[in-house]
C-alpha cells in the first residue's frame, strides 16, 4: 500500500460500521477525500482526539482499493 502525508481540514465525521468513523477531509493537494479511520470510536483511540471538526491536521493516508484509510493524524 502506498502512503502519503498531507495537510487538511476535517469537514465532517460520520459513524461507519461498528467501531469505525468515516471522515470527510479537504486537503491541499488531493481535494476532498473520504477517509476511514478504523477503531476510532473506541474509548482508547489515538486518532479521534486529533480529528475534531474544522480542525487543521497533518494526515498520513494509506491508499486503498475502495476507500483510503487514515493511518495517522496530528494537530
PDB file of N, CA and C in Angstrom:
ATOM      1  N   UNK A   1       0.823  -1.175   0.000  1.00  0.00           N
ATOM      2  CA  UNK A   1       0.000   0.000   0.000  1.00  0.00           C
ATOM      3  C   UNK A   1       0.870   1.242   0.000  1.00  0.00           C
ATOM      4  N   UNK A   2       0.523   2.188  -0.827  1.00  0.00           N
ATOM      5  CA  UNK A   2       1.248   3.446  -0.869  1.00  0.00           C
ATOM      6  C   UNK A   2       0.692   4.389   0.184  1.00  0.00           C
ATOM      7  N   UNK A   3       1.576   5.055   0.910  1.00  0.00           N
ATOM      8  CA  UNK A   3       1.145   6.039   1.897  1.00  0.00           C
ATOM      9  C   UNK A   3       1.681   7.401   1.521  1.00  0.00           C
ATOM     10  N   UNK A   4       0.964   8.423   1.928  1.00  0.00           N
ATOM     11  CA  UNK A   4       1.419   9.786   1.700  1.00  0.00           C
ATOM     12  C   UNK A   4       0.985  10.656   2.868  1.00  0.00           C
ATOM     13  N   UNK A   5       1.676  11.776   3.046  1.00  0.00           N
ATOM     14  CA  UNK A   5       1.401  12.709   4.135  1.00  0.00           C
ATOM     15  C   UNK A   5       0.944  14.026   3.530  1.00  0.00           C
ATOM     16  N   UNK A   6      -0.125  14.593   4.076  1.00  0.00           N
ATOM     17  CA  UNK A   6      -0.664  15.856   3.580  1.00  0.00           C
ATOM     18  C   UNK A   6      -1.346  16.607   4.716  1.00  0.00           C
ATOM     19  N   UNK A   7      -1.546  17.890   4.530  1.00  0.00           N
ATOM     20  CA  UNK A   7      -2.277  18.721   5.492  1.00  0.00           C
ATOM     21  C   UNK A   7      -3.703  18.891   5.004  1.00  0.00           C
ATOM     22  N   UNK A   8      -4.635  19.061   5.953  1.00  0.00           N
ATOM     23  CA  UNK A   8      -6.020  19.249   5.552  1.00  0.00           C
ATOM     24  C   UNK A   8      -6.894  19.720   6.699  1.00  0.00           C
ATOM     25  N   UNK A   9      -8.175  19.961   6.379  1.00  0.00           N
ATOM     26  CA  UNK A   9      -9.188  20.376   7.344  1.00  0.00           C
ATOM     27  C   UNK A   9     -10.261  19.305   7.427  1.00  0.00           C
ATOM     28  N   UNK A  10     -10.654  18.950   8.634  1.00  0.00           N
ATOM     29  CA  UNK A  10     -11.723  17.975   8.843  1.00  0.00           C
ATOM     30  C   UNK A  10     -13.048  18.698   8.652  1.00  0.00           C
ATOM     31  N   UNK A  11     -13.849  18.224   7.683  1.00  0.00           N
ATOM     32  CA  UNK A  11     -15.136  18.843   7.407  1.00  0.00           C
ATOM     33  C   UNK A  11     -16.290  18.142   8.113  1.00  0.00           C
ATOM     34  N   UNK A  12     -16.220  16.812   8.195  1.00  0.00           N
ATOM     35  CA  UNK A  12     -17.356  16.048   8.718  1.00  0.00           C
ATOM     36  C   UNK A  12     -16.882  14.707   9.250  1.00  0.00           C
ATOM     37  N   UNK A  13     -17.564  14.218  10.274  1.00  0.00           N
ATOM     38  CA  UNK A  13     -17.289  12.891  10.832  1.00  0.00           C
ATOM     39  C   UNK A  13     -18.614  12.143  10.943  1.00  0.00           C
ATOM     40  N   UNK A  14     -18.653  10.893  10.447  1.00  0.00           N
ATOM     41  CA  UNK A  14     -19.865  10.068  10.496  1.00  0.00           C
ATOM     42  C   UNK A  14     -19.499   8.699  11.027  1.00  0.00           C
ATOM     43  N   UNK A  15     -20.478   8.040  11.637  1.00  0.00           N
ATOM     44  CA  UNK A  15     -20.278   6.671  12.090  1.00  0.00           C
ATOM     45  C   UNK A  15     -20.262   5.748  10.880  1.00  0.00           C
ATOM     46  N   UNK A  16     -19.377   4.764  10.934  1.00  0.00           N
ATOM     47  CA  UNK A  16     -19.235   3.810   9.836  1.00  0.00           C
ATOM     48  C   UNK A  16     -18.971   2.441  10.452  1.00  0.00           C
ATOM     49  N   UNK A  17     -19.864   1.516  10.214  1.00  0.00           N
ATOM     50  CA  UNK A  17     -19.795   0.178  10.794  1.00  0.00           C
ATOM     51  C   UNK A  17     -19.828   0.251  12.318  1.00  0.00           C
ATOM     52  N   UNK A  18     -19.243  -0.713  13.011  1.00  0.00           N
ATOM     53  CA  UNK A  18     -19.400  -0.770  14.460  1.00  0.00           C
ATOM     54  C   UNK A  18     -18.446   0.154  15.210  1.00  0.00           C
ATOM     55  N   UNK A  19     -17.160   0.109  14.924  1.00  0.00           N
ATOM     56  CA  UNK A  19     -16.172   0.897  15.667  1.00  0.00           C
ATOM     57  C   UNK A  19     -15.411   1.899  14.807  1.00  0.00           C
ATOM     58  N   UNK A  20     -15.834   2.102  13.571  1.00  0.00           N
ATOM     59  CA  UNK A  20     -15.107   2.962  12.647  1.00  0.00           C
ATOM     60  C   UNK A  20     -15.827   4.292  12.462  1.00  0.00           C
ATOM     61  N   UNK A  21     -15.088   5.267  11.953  1.00  0.00           N
ATOM     62  CA  UNK A  21     -15.665   6.543  11.565  1.00  0.00           C
ATOM     63  C   UNK A  21     -15.233   6.860  10.142  1.00  0.00           C
ATOM     64  N   UNK A  22     -16.094   7.545   9.423  1.00  0.00           N
ATOM     65  CA  UNK A  22     -15.813   7.995   8.072  1.00  0.00           C
ATOM     66  C   UNK A  22     -15.653   9.509   8.131  1.00  0.00           C
ATOM     67  N   UNK A  23     -14.473  10.011   7.810  1.00  0.00           N
ATOM     68  CA  UNK A  23     -14.172  11.438   7.875  1.00  0.00           C
ATOM     69  C   UNK A  23     -14.128  12.009   6.467  1.00  0.00           C
ATOM     70  N   UNK A  24     -14.715  13.192   6.304  1.00  0.00           N
ATOM     71  CA  UNK A  24     -14.587  13.948   5.070  1.00  0.00           C
ATOM     72  C   UNK A  24     -13.573  15.042   5.345  1.00  0.00           C
ATOM     73  N   UNK A  25     -12.503  15.044   4.555  1.00  0.00           N
ATOM     74  CA  UNK A  25     -11.369  15.942   4.787  1.00  0.00           C
ATOM     75  C   UNK A  25     -11.060  16.688   3.493  1.00  0.00           C
ATOM     76  N   UNK A  26     -10.795  17.979   3.599  1.00  0.00           N
ATOM     77  CA  UNK A  26     -10.344  18.762   2.457  1.00  0.00           C
ATOM     78  C   UNK A  26      -8.847  18.962   2.581  1.00  0.00           C
ATOM     79  N   UNK A  27      -8.088  18.458   1.602  1.00  0.00           N
ATOM     80  CA  UNK A  27      -6.629  18.525   1.642  1.00  0.00           C
ATOM     81  C   UNK A  27      -6.105  19.522   0.609  1.00  0.00           C
ATOM     82  N   UNK A  28      -4.874  19.930   0.810  1.00  0.00           N
ATOM     83  CA  UNK A  28      -4.253  20.890  -0.094  1.00  0.00           C
ATOM     84  C   UNK A  28      -4.014  20.295  -1.480  1.00  0.00           C
ATOM     85  N   UNK A  29      -3.506  19.102  -1.524  1.00  0.00           N
ATOM     86  CA  UNK A  29      -3.077  18.506  -2.792  1.00  0.00           C
ATOM     87  C   UNK A  29      -4.118  17.612  -3.457  1.00  0.00           C
ATOM     88  N   UNK A  30      -4.929  16.921  -2.677  1.00  0.00           N
ATOM     89  CA  UNK A  30      -5.850  15.927  -3.227  1.00  0.00           C
ATOM     90  C   UNK A  30      -7.299  16.379  -3.267  1.00  0.00           C
ATOM     91  N   UNK A  31      -7.621  17.532  -2.700  1.00  0.00           N
ATOM     92  CA  UNK A  31      -9.007  17.993  -2.680  1.00  0.00           C
ATOM     93  C   UNK A  31      -9.805  17.310  -1.581  1.00  0.00           C
ATOM     94  N   UNK A  32     -11.084  17.061  -1.835  1.00  0.00           N
ATOM     95  CA  UNK A  32     -11.956  16.466  -0.821  1.00  0.00           C
ATOM     96  C   UNK A  32     -11.817  14.947  -0.846  1.00  0.00           C
ATOM     97  N   UNK A  33     -11.576  14.365   0.335  1.00  0.00           N
ATOM     98  CA  UNK A  33     -11.391  12.926   0.474  1.00  0.00           C
ATOM     99  C   UNK A  33     -12.327  12.375   1.545  1.00  0.00           C
ATOM    100  N   UNK A  34     -12.789  11.153   1.349  1.00  0.00           N
ATOM    101  CA  UNK A  34     -13.497  10.407   2.385  1.00  0.00           C
ATOM    102  C   UNK A  34     -12.540   9.354   2.911  1.00  0.00           C
ATOM    103  N   UNK A  35     -12.216   9.424   4.200  1.00  0.00           N
ATOM    104  CA  UNK A  35     -11.227   8.546   4.814  1.00  0.00           C
ATOM    105  C   UNK A  35     -11.877   7.699   5.894  1.00  0.00           C
ATOM    106  N   UNK A  36     -11.480   6.443   5.975  1.00  0.00           N
ATOM    107  CA  UNK A  36     -11.966   5.541   7.007  1.00  0.00           C
ATOM    108  C   UNK A  36     -10.911   5.455   8.102  1.00  0.00           C
ATOM    109  N   UNK A  37     -11.336   5.737   9.333  1.00  0.00           N
ATOM    110  CA  UNK A  37     -10.457   5.598  10.499  1.00  0.00           C
ATOM    111  C   UNK A  37     -10.954   4.398  11.297  1.00  0.00           C
ATOM    112  N   UNK A  38     -10.219   3.295  11.218  1.00  0.00           N
ATOM    113  CA  UNK A  38     -10.652   2.076  11.896  1.00  0.00           C
ATOM    114  C   UNK A  38     -10.469   2.206  13.397  1.00  0.00           C
ATOM    115  N   UNK A  39     -11.421   1.699  14.139  1.00  0.00           N
ATOM    116  CA  UNK A  39     -11.430   1.662  15.604  1.00  0.00           C
ATOM    117  C   UNK A  39     -11.346   3.043  16.240  1.00  0.00           C
ATOM    118  N   UNK A  40     -11.775   4.076  15.550  1.00  0.00           N
ATOM    119  CA  UNK A  40     -11.683   5.422  16.119  1.00  0.00           C
ATOM    120  C   UNK A  40     -12.842   5.750  17.050  1.00  0.00           C
ATOM    121  N   UNK A  41     -13.860   4.897  17.128  1.00  0.00           N
ATOM    122  CA  UNK A  41     -14.961   5.127  18.063  1.00  0.00           C
ATOM    123  C   UNK A  41     -14.712   4.462  19.412  1.00  0.00           C
ATOM    124  N   UNK A  42     -13.613   3.756  19.555  1.00  0.00           N
ATOM    125  CA  UNK A  42     -13.275   3.147  20.840  1.00  0.00           C
ATOM    126  C   UNK A  42     -12.791   4.208  21.812  1.00  0.00           C
ATOM    127  N   UNK A  43     -12.916   3.932  23.087  1.00  0.00           N
ATOM    128  CA  UNK A  43     -12.562   4.900  24.124  1.00  0.00           C
ATOM    129  C   UNK A  43     -11.064   5.217  24.107  1.00  0.00           C
ATOM    130  N   UNK A  44     -10.228   4.236  23.890  1.00  0.00           N
ATOM    131  CA  UNK A  44      -8.776   4.432  23.927  1.00  0.00           C
ATOM    132  C   UNK A  44      -8.161   4.720  22.556  1.00  0.00           C
ATOM    133  N   UNK A  45      -8.963   5.231  21.623  1.00  0.00           N
ATOM    134  CA  UNK A  45      -8.467   5.523  20.287  1.00  0.00           C
ATOM    135  C   UNK A  45      -7.433   6.652  20.324  1.00  0.00           C
ATOM    136  N   UNK A  46      -6.362   6.496  19.554  1.00  0.00           N
ATOM    137  CA  UNK A  46      -5.319   7.516  19.499  1.00  0.00           C
ATOM    138  C   UNK A  46      -5.567   8.529  18.380  1.00  0.00           C
ATOM    139  N   UNK A  47      -6.468   8.217  17.449  1.00  0.00           N
ATOM    140  CA  UNK A  47      -6.734   9.115  16.333  1.00  0.00           C
ATOM    141  C   UNK A  47      -7.827  10.135  16.627  1.00  0.00           C
ATOM    142  N   UNK A  48      -8.875   9.735  17.317  1.00  0.00           N
ATOM    143  CA  UNK A  48     -10.052  10.598  17.446  1.00  0.00           C
ATOM    144  C   UNK A  48      -9.808  11.928  18.145  1.00  0.00           C
ATOM    145  N   UNK A  49      -8.917  12.064  19.145  1.00  0.00           N
ATOM    146  CA  UNK A  49      -8.714  13.401  19.734  1.00  0.00           C
ATOM    147  C   UNK A  49      -8.119  14.407  18.758  1.00  0.00           C
ATOM    148  N   UNK A  50      -7.433  13.958  17.735  1.00  0.00           N
ATOM    149  CA  UNK A  50      -6.807  14.850  16.763  1.00  0.00           C
ATOM    150  C   UNK A  50      -7.759  15.263  15.652  1.00  0.00           C
ATOM    151  N   UNK A  51      -8.846  14.536  15.474  1.00  0.00           N
ATOM    152  CA  UNK A  51      -9.732  14.745  14.334  1.00  0.00           C
ATOM    153  C   UNK A  51     -11.010  15.470  14.733  1.00  0.00           C
ATOM    154  N   UNK A  52     -10.874  16.677  15.237  1.00  0.00           N
ATOM    155  CA  UNK A  52     -12.030  17.482  15.612  1.00  0.00           C
ATOM    156  C   UNK A  52     -12.546  18.207  14.365  1.00  0.00           C
ATOM    157  N   UNK A  53     -13.859  18.421  14.262  1.00  0.00           N
ATOM    158  CA  UNK A  53     -14.399  19.126  13.092  1.00  0.00           C
ATOM    159  C   UNK A  53     -13.823  20.529  12.952  1.00  0.00           C
ATOM    160  N   UNK A  54     -13.523  20.909  11.734  1.00  0.00           N
ATOM    161  CA  UNK A  54     -12.952  22.202  11.353  1.00  0.00           C
ATOM    162  C   UNK A  54     -11.567  22.438  11.945  1.00  0.00           C
ATOM    163  N   UNK A  55     -10.877  21.357  12.269  1.00  0.00           N
ATOM    164  CA  UNK A  55      -9.517  21.474  12.759  1.00  0.00           C
ATOM    165  C   UNK A  55      -8.520  21.217  11.643  1.00  0.00           C
ATOM    166  N   UNK A  56      -7.396  21.917  11.693  1.00  0.00           N
ATOM    167  CA  UNK A  56      -6.335  21.702  10.710  1.00  0.00           C
ATOM    168  C   UNK A  56      -5.421  20.600  11.228  1.00  0.00           C
ATOM    169  N   UNK A  57      -5.233  19.546  10.438  1.00  0.00           N
ATOM    170  CA  UNK A  57      -4.458  18.395  10.866  1.00  0.00           C
ATOM    171  C   UNK A  57      -3.467  17.979   9.786  1.00  0.00           C
ATOM    172  N   UNK A  58      -2.416  17.303  10.234  1.00  0.00           N
ATOM    173  CA  UNK A  58      -1.473  16.667   9.325  1.00  0.00           C
ATOM    174  C   UNK A  58      -1.836  15.186   9.296  1.00  0.00           C
ATOM    175  N   UNK A  59      -2.088  14.652   8.115  1.00  0.00           N
ATOM    176  CA  UNK A  59      -2.617  13.298   7.962  1.00  0.00           C
ATOM    177  C   UNK A  59      -1.629  12.386   7.261  1.00  0.00           C
ATOM    178  N   UNK A  60      -1.562  11.139   7.707  1.00  0.00           N
ATOM    179  CA  UNK A  60      -0.870  10.089   6.985  1.00  0.00           C
ATOM    180  C   UNK A  60      -1.954   9.174   6.443  1.00  0.00           C
ATOM    181  N   UNK A  61      -2.007   9.036   5.122  1.00  0.00           N
ATOM    182  CA  UNK A  61      -3.093   8.321   4.454  1.00  0.00           C
ATOM    183  C   UNK A  61      -2.524   7.144   3.675  1.00  0.00           C
ATOM    184  N   UNK A  62      -3.178   5.994   3.833  1.00  0.00           N
ATOM    185  CA  UNK A  62      -2.812   4.795   3.070  1.00  0.00           C
ATOM    186  C   UNK A  62      -3.869   4.588   1.995  1.00  0.00           C
ATOM    187  N   UNK A  63      -3.443   4.564   0.760  1.00  0.00           N
ATOM    188  CA  UNK A  63      -4.365   4.403  -0.356  1.00  0.00           C
ATOM    189  C   UNK A  63      -4.914   2.978  -0.377  1.00  0.00           C
ATOM    190  N   UNK A  64      -6.222   2.853  -0.585  1.00  0.00           N
ATOM    191  CA  UNK A  64      -6.872   1.554  -0.627  1.00  0.00           C
ATOM    192  C   UNK A  64      -7.623   1.366  -1.930  1.00  0.00           C
ATOM    193  N   UNK A  65      -8.223   0.189  -2.112  1.00  0.00           N
ATOM    194  CA  UNK A  65      -8.973  -0.070  -3.335  1.00  0.00           C
ATOM    195  C   UNK A  65     -10.273   0.724  -3.377  1.00  0.00           C
ATOM    196  N   UNK A  66     -11.061   0.643  -2.300  1.00  0.00           N
ATOM    197  CA  UNK A  66     -12.323   1.376  -2.257  1.00  0.00           C
ATOM    198  C   UNK A  66     -12.176   2.714  -1.564  1.00  0.00           C
ATOM    199  N   UNK A  67     -11.767   2.685  -0.318  1.00  0.00           N
ATOM    200  CA  UNK A  67     -11.606   3.902   0.480  1.00  0.00           C
ATOM    201  C   UNK A  67     -10.172   4.024   0.949  1.00  0.00           C
ATOM    202  N   UNK A  68      -9.720   5.267   1.055  1.00  0.00           N
ATOM    203  CA  UNK A  68      -8.408   5.500   1.655  1.00  0.00           C
ATOM    204  C   UNK A  68      -8.539   5.348   3.161  1.00  0.00           C
ATOM    205  N   UNK A  69      -7.492   4.856   3.800  1.00  0.00           N
ATOM    206  CA  UNK A  69      -7.503   4.631   5.245  1.00  0.00           C
ATOM    207  C   UNK A  69      -6.624   5.657   5.932  1.00  0.00           C
ATOM    208  N   UNK A  70      -7.079   6.107   7.064  1.00  0.00           N
ATOM    209  CA  UNK A  70      -6.331   7.066   7.857  1.00  0.00           C
ATOM    210  C   UNK A  70      -5.348   6.291   8.720  1.00  0.00           C
ATOM    211  N   UNK A  71      -4.042   6.528   8.490  1.00  0.00           N
ATOM    212  CA  UNK A  71      -3.013   5.785   9.216  1.00  0.00           C
ATOM    213  C   UNK A  71      -2.461   6.572  10.403  1.00  0.00           C
ATOM    214  N   UNK A  72      -2.548   7.898  10.353  1.00  0.00           N
ATOM    215  CA  UNK A  72      -2.047   8.714  11.446  1.00  0.00           C
ATOM    216  C   UNK A  72      -2.532  10.142  11.312  1.00  0.00           C
ATOM    217  N   UNK A  73      -2.608  10.839  12.438  1.00  0.00           N
ATOM    218  CA  UNK A  73      -3.060  12.239  12.436  1.00  0.00           C
ATOM    219  C   UNK A  73      -2.424  12.987  13.591  1.00  0.00           C
ATOM    220  N   UNK A  74      -2.141  14.272  13.353  1.00  0.00           N
ATOM    221  CA  UNK A  74      -1.655  15.131  14.426  1.00  0.00           C
ATOM    222  C   UNK A  74      -2.133  16.554  14.141  1.00  0.00           C
ATOM    223  N   UNK A  75      -2.398  17.294  15.217  1.00  0.00           N
ATOM    224  CA  UNK A  75      -2.901  18.667  15.083  1.00  0.00           C
ATOM    225  C   UNK A  75      -1.761  19.578  14.687  1.00  0.00           C
TER     226      UNK A  75
END
